[in-house]
Protein backbone atom coordinates (compact mmCIF):
# COMPACT_ATOMS: atom_id res chain seq x y z
CA UNK A 1 0.00 0.00 0.00
CA UNK A 2 1.44 3.37 -1.01
CA UNK A 3 0.85 6.69 0.69
CA UNK A 4 0.00 9.87 -1.17
CA UNK A 5 2.50 12.72 -1.07
CA UNK A 6 2.06 14.95 1.99
CA UNK A 7 0.39 12.35 4.17
CA UNK A 8 3.64 11.02 5.62
CA UNK A 9 4.10 12.59 9.06
CA UNK A 10 7.86 12.79 8.56
CA UNK A 11 7.27 15.48 5.92
CA UNK A 12 5.23 17.66 8.26
CA UNK A 13 6.68 20.68 10.00
CA UNK A 14 5.59 22.66 13.04
CA UNK A 15 3.69 25.83 12.08
CA UNK A 16 5.13 29.14 13.21
CA UNK A 17 3.14 30.84 15.97
CA UNK A 18 0.85 33.53 14.64
CA UNK A 19 0.99 36.93 16.22
CA UNK A 20 -2.21 38.91 16.15
CA UNK A 21 -2.58 42.61 16.65
CA UNK A 22 -3.99 43.76 19.96
CA UNK A 23 -7.68 44.66 19.96
CA UNK A 24 -8.26 48.39 19.60
CA UNK A 25 -11.10 50.88 19.28
CA UNK A 26 -9.42 52.99 16.58
CA UNK A 27 -11.18 51.33 13.60
CA UNK A 28 -14.59 51.86 15.21
CA UNK A 29 -13.72 55.50 15.97
CA UNK A 30 -12.59 55.98 12.37
CA UNK A 31 -15.87 54.54 11.09
CA UNK A 32 -17.85 56.82 13.40
CA UNK A 33 -15.84 59.85 12.32
CA UNK A 34 -16.33 59.07 8.63
CA UNK A 35 -20.04 58.52 9.17
CA UNK A 36 -20.40 61.86 10.92
CA UNK A 37 -18.28 63.61 8.29
CA UNK A 38 -20.47 62.26 5.50
CA UNK A 39 -23.70 62.92 7.40
CA UNK A 40 -22.71 66.52 8.04
CA UNK A 41 -23.50 68.06 4.64
CA UNK A 42 -27.05 66.75 4.93
CA UNK A 43 -27.58 68.10 8.44
CA UNK A 44 -25.04 70.66 9.63
CA UNK A 45 -21.49 71.57 8.71
CA UNK A 46 -20.58 71.49 12.41
CA UNK A 47 -21.18 67.73 12.36
CA UNK A 48 -18.84 67.48 9.36
CA UNK A 49 -16.09 69.29 11.25
CA UNK A 50 -16.52 67.11 14.34
CA UNK A 51 -16.59 63.94 12.22
CA UNK A 52 -13.51 64.93 10.22
CA UNK A 53 -11.65 65.75 13.42
CA UNK A 54 -12.61 62.44 14.96
CA UNK A 55 -11.61 60.57 11.79
CA UNK A 56 -8.20 62.25 11.64
CA UNK A 57 -7.60 61.61 15.34
CA UNK A 58 -8.56 57.95 14.96
CA UNK A 59 -6.37 57.53 11.89
CA UNK A 60 -3.36 59.06 13.62
CA UNK A 61 -3.96 56.92 16.72
CA UNK A 62 -4.36 53.73 14.71
CA UNK A 63 -1.23 54.33 12.62
CA UNK A 64 0.70 55.32 15.75
CA UNK A 65 -0.31 52.06 17.40
CA UNK A 66 0.73 50.01 14.36
CA UNK A 67 4.14 51.68 14.20
CA UNK A 68 4.91 50.84 17.81
PDB file of N, CA and C in Angstrom:
ATOM      1  N   UNK A   1       0.847  -1.181   0.000  1.00  0.00           N
ATOM      2  CA  UNK A   1       0.000   0.000   0.000  1.00  0.00           C
ATOM      3  C   UNK A   1       0.892   1.244   0.000  1.00  0.00           C
ATOM      4  N   UNK A   2       0.640   2.156  -0.908  1.00  0.00           N
ATOM      5  CA  UNK A   2       1.445   3.373  -1.013  1.00  0.00           C
ATOM      6  C   UNK A   2       0.683   4.543  -0.404  1.00  0.00           C
ATOM      7  N   UNK A   3       1.463   5.485   0.112  1.00  0.00           N
ATOM      8  CA  UNK A   3       0.854   6.685   0.688  1.00  0.00           C
ATOM      9  C   UNK A   3       0.973   7.831  -0.307  1.00  0.00           C
ATOM     10  N   UNK A   4      -0.036   8.696  -0.310  1.00  0.00           N
ATOM     11  CA  UNK A   4       0.003   9.875  -1.169  1.00  0.00           C
ATOM     12  C   UNK A   4       1.008  10.871  -0.621  1.00  0.00           C
ATOM     13  N   UNK A   5       1.538  11.711  -1.478  1.00  0.00           N
ATOM     14  CA  UNK A   5       2.501  12.721  -1.065  1.00  0.00           C
ATOM     15  C   UNK A   5       1.852  13.684  -0.068  1.00  0.00           C
ATOM     16  N   UNK A   6       2.562  14.005   1.002  1.00  0.00           N
ATOM     17  CA  UNK A   6       2.057  14.946   1.989  1.00  0.00           C
ATOM     18  C   UNK A   6       1.340  14.289   3.152  1.00  0.00           C
ATOM     19  N   UNK A   7       1.078  13.004   3.065  1.00  0.00           N
ATOM     20  CA  UNK A   7       0.387  12.348   4.167  1.00  0.00           C
ATOM     21  C   UNK A   7       1.356  11.677   5.123  1.00  0.00           C
ATOM     22  N   UNK A   8       2.627  11.613   4.741  1.00  0.00           N
ATOM     23  CA  UNK A   8       3.642  11.023   5.615  1.00  0.00           C
ATOM     24  C   UNK A   8       4.001  12.036   6.697  1.00  0.00           C
ATOM     25  N   UNK A   9       3.871  11.649   7.956  1.00  0.00           N
ATOM     26  CA  UNK A   9       4.097  12.588   9.056  1.00  0.00           C
ATOM     27  C   UNK A   9       5.537  13.060   9.135  1.00  0.00           C
ATOM     28  N   UNK A  10       6.458  12.351   8.533  1.00  0.00           N
ATOM     29  CA  UNK A  10       7.855  12.789   8.562  1.00  0.00           C
ATOM     30  C   UNK A  10       8.061  14.036   7.707  1.00  0.00           C
ATOM     31  N   UNK A  11       7.170  14.290   6.768  1.00  0.00           N
ATOM     32  CA  UNK A  11       7.272  15.476   5.918  1.00  0.00           C
ATOM     33  C   UNK A  11       6.622  16.703   6.544  1.00  0.00           C
ATOM     34  N   UNK A  12       5.919  16.546   7.610  1.00  0.00           N
ATOM     35  CA  UNK A  12       5.231  17.662   8.256  1.00  0.00           C
ATOM     36  C   UNK A  12       6.230  18.536   8.987  1.00  0.00           C
ATOM     37  N   UNK A  13       5.858  19.775   9.200  1.00  0.00           N
ATOM     38  CA  UNK A  13       6.676  20.678  10.004  1.00  0.00           C
ATOM     39  C   UNK A  13       5.766  21.423  10.969  1.00  0.00           C
ATOM     40  N   UNK A  14       6.370  21.907  12.058  1.00  0.00           N
ATOM     41  CA  UNK A  14       5.586  22.665  13.037  1.00  0.00           C
ATOM     42  C   UNK A  14       5.281  24.041  12.475  1.00  0.00           C
ATOM     43  N   UNK A  15       4.026  24.493  12.569  1.00  0.00           N
ATOM     44  CA  UNK A  15       3.694  25.833  12.077  1.00  0.00           C
ATOM     45  C   UNK A  15       4.279  26.902  13.000  1.00  0.00           C
ATOM     46  N   UNK A  16       4.636  28.019  12.415  1.00  0.00           N
ATOM     47  CA  UNK A  16       5.134  29.137  13.211  1.00  0.00           C
ATOM     48  C   UNK A  16       3.975  29.740  13.989  1.00  0.00           C
ATOM     49  N   UNK A  17       4.237  30.219  15.209  1.00  0.00           N
ATOM     50  CA  UNK A  17       3.140  30.838  15.972  1.00  0.00           C
ATOM     51  C   UNK A  17       2.694  32.134  15.308  1.00  0.00           C
ATOM     52  N   UNK A  18       1.402  32.311  15.224  1.00  0.00           N
ATOM     53  CA  UNK A  18       0.853  33.531  14.644  1.00  0.00           C
ATOM     54  C   UNK A  18       0.792  34.614  15.703  1.00  0.00           C
ATOM     55  N   UNK A  19       1.127  35.804  15.308  1.00  0.00           N
ATOM     56  CA  UNK A  19       0.992  36.933  16.220  1.00  0.00           C
ATOM     57  C   UNK A  19      -0.129  37.822  15.682  1.00  0.00           C
ATOM     58  N   UNK A  20      -1.080  38.077  16.520  1.00  0.00           N
ATOM     59  CA  UNK A  20      -2.214  38.910  16.150  1.00  0.00           C
ATOM     60  C   UNK A  20      -2.055  40.286  16.768  1.00  0.00           C
ATOM     61  N   UNK A  21      -2.599  41.266  16.104  1.00  0.00           N
ATOM     62  CA  UNK A  21      -2.577  42.615  16.649  1.00  0.00           C
ATOM     63  C   UNK A  21      -3.501  42.697  17.868  1.00  0.00           C
ATOM     64  N   UNK A  22      -3.144  43.577  18.789  1.00  0.00           N
ATOM     65  CA  UNK A  22      -3.992  43.757  19.965  1.00  0.00           C
ATOM     66  C   UNK A  22      -5.324  44.364  19.549  1.00  0.00           C
ATOM     67  N   UNK A  23      -6.390  44.022  20.255  1.00  0.00           N
ATOM     68  CA  UNK A  23      -7.684  44.660  19.956  1.00  0.00           C
ATOM     69  C   UNK A  23      -7.613  46.161  20.255  1.00  0.00           C
ATOM     70  N   UNK A  24      -8.288  46.947  19.437  1.00  0.00           N
ATOM     71  CA  UNK A  24      -8.259  48.388  19.602  1.00  0.00           C
ATOM     72  C   UNK A  24      -9.590  48.988  19.148  1.00  0.00           C
ATOM     73  N   UNK A  25      -9.864  50.184  19.637  1.00  0.00           N
ATOM     74  CA  UNK A  25     -11.096  50.880  19.279  1.00  0.00           C
ATOM     75  C   UNK A  25     -10.899  51.849  18.113  1.00  0.00           C
ATOM     76  N   UNK A  26      -9.676  52.016  17.638  1.00  0.00           N
ATOM     77  CA  UNK A  26      -9.417  52.993  16.582  1.00  0.00           C
ATOM     78  C   UNK A  26     -10.227  52.746  15.312  1.00  0.00           C
ATOM     79  N   UNK A  27     -10.368  51.513  14.821  1.00  0.00           N
ATOM     80  CA  UNK A  27     -11.180  51.328  13.604  1.00  0.00           C
ATOM     81  C   UNK A  27     -12.641  51.745  13.789  1.00  0.00           C
ATOM     82  N   UNK A  28     -13.204  51.465  14.955  1.00  0.00           N
ATOM     83  CA  UNK A  28     -14.590  51.861  15.215  1.00  0.00           C
ATOM     84  C   UNK A  28     -14.704  53.385  15.293  1.00  0.00           C
ATOM     85  N   UNK A  29     -13.711  54.035  15.901  1.00  0.00           N
ATOM     86  CA  UNK A  29     -13.725  55.495  15.967  1.00  0.00           C
ATOM     87  C   UNK A  29     -13.571  56.108  14.580  1.00  0.00           C
ATOM     88  N   UNK A  30     -12.749  55.497  13.733  1.00  0.00           N
ATOM     89  CA  UNK A  30     -12.593  55.984  12.369  1.00  0.00           C
ATOM     90  C   UNK A  30     -13.896  55.851  11.593  1.00  0.00           C
ATOM     91  N   UNK A  31     -14.575  54.732  11.773  1.00  0.00           N
ATOM     92  CA  UNK A  31     -15.867  54.538  11.094  1.00  0.00           C
ATOM     93  C   UNK A  31     -16.898  55.556  11.576  1.00  0.00           C
ATOM     94  N   UNK A  32     -16.929  55.827  12.872  1.00  0.00           N
ATOM     95  CA  UNK A  32     -17.855  56.825  13.397  1.00  0.00           C
ATOM     96  C   UNK A  32     -17.530  58.213  12.864  1.00  0.00           C
ATOM     97  N   UNK A  33     -16.245  58.548  12.834  1.00  0.00           N
ATOM     98  CA  UNK A  33     -15.839  59.849  12.316  1.00  0.00           C
ATOM     99  C   UNK A  33     -16.197  60.021  10.850  1.00  0.00           C
ATOM    100  N   UNK A  34     -15.977  58.989  10.047  1.00  0.00           N
ATOM    101  CA  UNK A  34     -16.327  59.069   8.625  1.00  0.00           C
ATOM    102  C   UNK A  34     -17.839  59.177   8.434  1.00  0.00           C
ATOM    103  N   UNK A  35     -18.578  58.444   9.253  1.00  0.00           N
ATOM    104  CA  UNK A  35     -20.040  58.519   9.167  1.00  0.00           C
ATOM    105  C   UNK A  35     -20.531  59.926   9.492  1.00  0.00           C
ATOM    106  N   UNK A  36     -20.004  60.496  10.556  1.00  0.00           N
ATOM    107  CA  UNK A  36     -20.402  61.857  10.919  1.00  0.00           C
ATOM    108  C   UNK A  36     -19.973  62.857   9.856  1.00  0.00           C
ATOM    109  N   UNK A  37     -18.765  62.685   9.313  1.00  0.00           N
ATOM    110  CA  UNK A  37     -18.279  63.612   8.293  1.00  0.00           C
ATOM    111  C   UNK A  37     -19.147  63.556   7.043  1.00  0.00           C
ATOM    112  N   UNK A  38     -19.628  62.377   6.684  1.00  0.00           N
ATOM    113  CA  UNK A  38     -20.470  62.263   5.495  1.00  0.00           C
ATOM    114  C   UNK A  38     -21.927  62.609   5.777  1.00  0.00           C
ATOM    115  N   UNK A  39     -22.340  62.536   7.026  1.00  0.00           N
ATOM    116  CA  UNK A  39     -23.695  62.919   7.395  1.00  0.00           C
ATOM    117  C   UNK A  39     -23.820  64.434   7.547  1.00  0.00           C
ATOM    118  N   UNK A  40     -22.718  65.088   7.807  1.00  0.00           N
ATOM    119  CA  UNK A  40     -22.711  66.524   8.044  1.00  0.00           C
ATOM    120  C   UNK A  40     -23.294  67.381   6.946  1.00  0.00           C
ATOM    121  N   UNK A  41     -22.930  67.197   5.685  1.00  0.00           N
ATOM    122  CA  UNK A  41     -23.498  68.059   4.637  1.00  0.00           C
ATOM    123  C   UNK A  41     -25.017  67.977   4.540  1.00  0.00           C
ATOM    124  N   UNK A  42     -25.590  66.883   4.973  1.00  0.00           N
ATOM    125  CA  UNK A  42     -27.051  66.749   4.932  1.00  0.00           C
ATOM    126  C   UNK A  42     -27.695  67.482   6.105  1.00  0.00           C
ATOM    127  N   UNK A  43     -26.996  67.515   7.245  1.00  0.00           N
ATOM    128  CA  UNK A  43     -27.579  68.103   8.444  1.00  0.00           C
ATOM    129  C   UNK A  43     -26.951  69.449   8.782  1.00  0.00           C
ATOM    130  N   UNK A  44     -25.709  69.435   9.201  1.00  0.00           N
ATOM    131  CA  UNK A  44     -25.044  70.658   9.633  1.00  0.00           C
ATOM    132  C   UNK A  44     -23.541  70.526   9.392  1.00  0.00           C
ATOM    133  N   UNK A  45     -22.932  71.609   8.971  1.00  0.00           N
ATOM    134  CA  UNK A  45     -21.491  71.574   8.714  1.00  0.00           C
ATOM    135  C   UNK A  45     -20.691  71.384   9.996  1.00  0.00           C
ATOM    136  N   UNK A  46     -21.268  71.714  11.137  1.00  0.00           N
ATOM    137  CA  UNK A  46     -20.575  71.491  12.410  1.00  0.00           C
ATOM    138  C   UNK A  46     -20.355  69.994  12.633  1.00  0.00           C
ATOM    139  N   UNK A  47     -21.310  69.184  12.222  1.00  0.00           N
ATOM    140  CA  UNK A  47     -21.175  67.729  12.360  1.00  0.00           C
ATOM    141  C   UNK A  47     -20.055  67.231  11.445  1.00  0.00           C
ATOM    142  N   UNK A  48     -19.924  67.849  10.262  1.00  0.00           N
ATOM    143  CA  UNK A  48     -18.838  67.484   9.356  1.00  0.00           C
ATOM    144  C   UNK A  48     -17.486  67.771   9.986  1.00  0.00           C
ATOM    145  N   UNK A  49     -17.358  68.913  10.618  1.00  0.00           N
ATOM    146  CA  UNK A  49     -16.091  69.292  11.246  1.00  0.00           C
ATOM    147  C   UNK A  49     -15.759  68.343  12.390  1.00  0.00           C
ATOM    148  N   UNK A  50     -16.738  68.035  13.223  1.00  0.00           N
ATOM    149  CA  UNK A  50     -16.518  67.106  14.344  1.00  0.00           C
ATOM    150  C   UNK A  50     -16.158  65.720  13.809  1.00  0.00           C
ATOM    151  N   UNK A  51     -16.863  65.252  12.795  1.00  0.00           N
ATOM    152  CA  UNK A  51     -16.592  63.940  12.220  1.00  0.00           C
ATOM    153  C   UNK A  51     -15.218  63.867  11.586  1.00  0.00           C
ATOM    154  N   UNK A  52     -14.837  64.912  10.844  1.00  0.00           N
ATOM    155  CA  UNK A  52     -13.515  64.929  10.221  1.00  0.00           C
ATOM    156  C   UNK A  52     -12.413  64.948  11.278  1.00  0.00           C
ATOM    157  N   UNK A  53     -12.628  65.724  12.336  1.00  0.00           N
ATOM    158  CA  UNK A  53     -11.646  65.752  13.420  1.00  0.00           C
ATOM    159  C   UNK A  53     -11.510  64.404  14.108  1.00  0.00           C
ATOM    160  N   UNK A  54     -12.631  63.762  14.341  1.00  0.00           N
ATOM    161  CA  UNK A  54     -12.609  62.440  14.959  1.00  0.00           C
ATOM    162  C   UNK A  54     -11.941  61.422  14.042  1.00  0.00           C
ATOM    163  N   UNK A  55     -12.209  61.500  12.741  1.00  0.00           N
ATOM    164  CA  UNK A  55     -11.607  60.568  11.786  1.00  0.00           C
ATOM    165  C   UNK A  55     -10.096  60.758  11.719  1.00  0.00           C
ATOM    166  N   UNK A  56      -9.643  61.995  11.692  1.00  0.00           N
ATOM    167  CA  UNK A  56      -8.198  62.251  11.640  1.00  0.00           C
ATOM    168  C   UNK A  56      -7.527  61.780  12.923  1.00  0.00           C
ATOM    169  N   UNK A  57      -8.149  62.059  14.066  1.00  0.00           N
ATOM    170  CA  UNK A  57      -7.597  61.610  15.343  1.00  0.00           C
ATOM    171  C   UNK A  57      -7.509  60.087  15.402  1.00  0.00           C
ATOM    172  N   UNK A  58      -8.550  59.410  14.948  1.00  0.00           N
ATOM    173  CA  UNK A  58      -8.557  57.950  14.961  1.00  0.00           C
ATOM    174  C   UNK A  58      -7.514  57.388  14.007  1.00  0.00           C
ATOM    175  N   UNK A  59      -7.358  58.005  12.855  1.00  0.00           N
ATOM    176  CA  UNK A  59      -6.374  57.528  11.889  1.00  0.00           C
ATOM    177  C   UNK A  59      -4.956  57.689  12.422  1.00  0.00           C
ATOM    178  N   UNK A  60      -4.676  58.837  13.027  1.00  0.00           N
ATOM    179  CA  UNK A  60      -3.356  59.062  13.618  1.00  0.00           C
ATOM    180  C   UNK A  60      -3.105  58.077  14.770  1.00  0.00           C
ATOM    181  N   UNK A  61      -4.108  57.860  15.609  1.00  0.00           N
ATOM    182  CA  UNK A  61      -3.955  56.924  16.716  1.00  0.00           C
ATOM    183  C   UNK A  61      -3.743  55.500  16.247  1.00  0.00           C
ATOM    184  N   UNK A  62      -4.472  55.090  15.226  1.00  0.00           N
ATOM    185  CA  UNK A  62      -4.365  53.727  14.706  1.00  0.00           C
ATOM    186  C   UNK A  62      -2.994  53.503  14.068  1.00  0.00           C
ATOM    187  N   UNK A  63      -2.546  54.463  13.246  1.00  0.00           N
ATOM    188  CA  UNK A  63      -1.231  54.334  12.615  1.00  0.00           C
ATOM    189  C   UNK A  63      -0.134  54.374  13.677  1.00  0.00           C
ATOM    190  N   UNK A  64      -0.287  55.250  14.677  1.00  0.00           N
ATOM    191  CA  UNK A  64       0.695  55.317  15.748  1.00  0.00           C
ATOM    192  C   UNK A  64       0.794  54.012  16.520  1.00  0.00           C
ATOM    193  N   UNK A  65      -0.319  53.336  16.686  1.00  0.00           N
ATOM    194  CA  UNK A  65      -0.312  52.058  17.399  1.00  0.00           C
ATOM    195  C   UNK A  65       0.330  50.958  16.550  1.00  0.00           C
ATOM    196  N   UNK A  66       0.125  51.008  15.244  1.00  0.00           N
ATOM    197  CA  UNK A  66       0.725  50.013  14.365  1.00  0.00           C
ATOM    198  C   UNK A  66       2.234  50.180  14.248  1.00  0.00           C
ATOM    199  N   UNK A  67       2.708  51.422  14.309  1.00  0.00           N
ATOM    200  CA  UNK A  67       4.138  51.681  14.196  1.00  0.00           C
ATOM    201  C   UNK A  67       4.879  51.178  15.428  1.00  0.00           C
ATOM    202  N   UNK A  68       4.262  51.292  16.577  1.00  0.00           N
ATOM    203  CA  UNK A  68       4.913  50.835  17.808  1.00  0.00           C
ATOM    204  C   UNK A  68       5.111  49.367  17.829  1.00  0.00           C
TER     205      UNK A  68
END
